[in-house]
Protein backbone atom coordinates (compact mmCIF):
# COMPACT_ATOMS: atom_id res chain seq x y z
CA MET A 1 -41.33 141.48 181.43
CA SER A 2 -38.47 139.96 179.34
CA ALA A 3 -36.35 136.81 179.34
CA ALA A 4 -33.07 136.18 179.04
CA TYR A 5 -31.95 132.50 178.35
CA ARG A 6 -29.18 130.37 177.88
CA VAL A 7 -29.12 126.25 175.83
CA LEU A 8 -28.35 124.01 178.25
CA GLU A 9 -28.25 120.96 175.94
CA SER A 10 -29.77 120.09 172.63
CA ARG A 11 -30.26 116.65 171.26
CA ARG A 12 -31.40 115.84 167.61
CA LEU A 13 -33.69 112.88 168.33
CA SER A 14 -34.44 112.43 164.56
CA ASP A 15 -34.61 114.73 161.30
CA ASP A 16 -37.86 116.45 162.78
CA ILE A 17 -38.06 115.72 166.62
CA VAL A 18 -35.34 118.02 169.09
CA LEU A 19 -34.35 117.77 173.04
CA GLY A 20 -33.56 120.80 174.48
CA PHE A 21 -32.60 122.12 178.18
CA VAL A 22 -32.78 125.98 178.61
CA ALA A 23 -32.09 127.78 181.53
CA VAL A 24 -34.14 131.09 181.64
CA GLU A 25 -34.23 134.15 183.95
CA PHE A 26 -37.27 136.35 183.70
CA SER A 27 -36.87 140.32 184.85
CA PHE A 28 -39.69 142.50 185.74
CA THR A 29 -40.14 145.93 186.27
CA ASP A 30 -41.86 145.47 189.76
CA ARG A 31 -40.23 142.21 191.50
CA PRO A 32 -37.29 140.30 191.90
CA SER A 33 -36.20 137.86 189.01
CA LEU A 34 -37.24 134.54 188.26
CA GLY A 35 -35.15 131.65 187.45
CA VAL A 36 -36.17 128.15 185.67
CA ASN A 37 -35.14 125.39 183.75
CA LEU A 38 -36.86 124.38 181.06
CA GLY A 39 -37.28 120.92 179.27
CA LEU A 40 -38.51 120.91 175.82
CA LEU A 41 -39.35 118.54 173.23
CA LEU A 42 -40.23 120.22 169.71
CA ARG A 43 -41.65 118.98 166.29
CA ARG A 44 -41.54 119.59 162.76
CA PRO A 45 -44.61 118.47 161.08
CA GLU A 46 -43.89 120.86 157.85
CA ASP A 47 -41.81 124.16 157.86
CA ASP A 48 -42.13 125.00 161.62
CA TRP A 49 -41.32 123.99 164.66
CA LEU A 50 -43.77 123.25 167.59
CA SER A 51 -43.91 122.68 170.87
CA SER A 52 -44.59 119.00 171.66
CA HIS A 53 -44.23 119.29 175.68
CA TYR A 54 -42.52 121.36 177.79
CA GLN A 55 -41.37 120.76 181.86
CA VAL A 56 -40.89 123.91 184.08
CA SER A 57 -38.63 123.47 187.17
CA ARG A 58 -38.45 126.90 189.34
CA LEU A 59 -35.08 127.16 190.59
CA ASP A 60 -34.53 128.57 194.38
């Protein structure tokens, strides 16, 4: 499996919180590709970014 993604939009809500929307196309060797949209809420409590929330919408 491989994933190709494209950032649709991002918004910095504060210095340590980012909201993002991403289109992802998952490719497989044994079946058709699958397209989804992701909504992500990322936070940075220290030096690393962590996912606080994500929502997946399948594209048909």
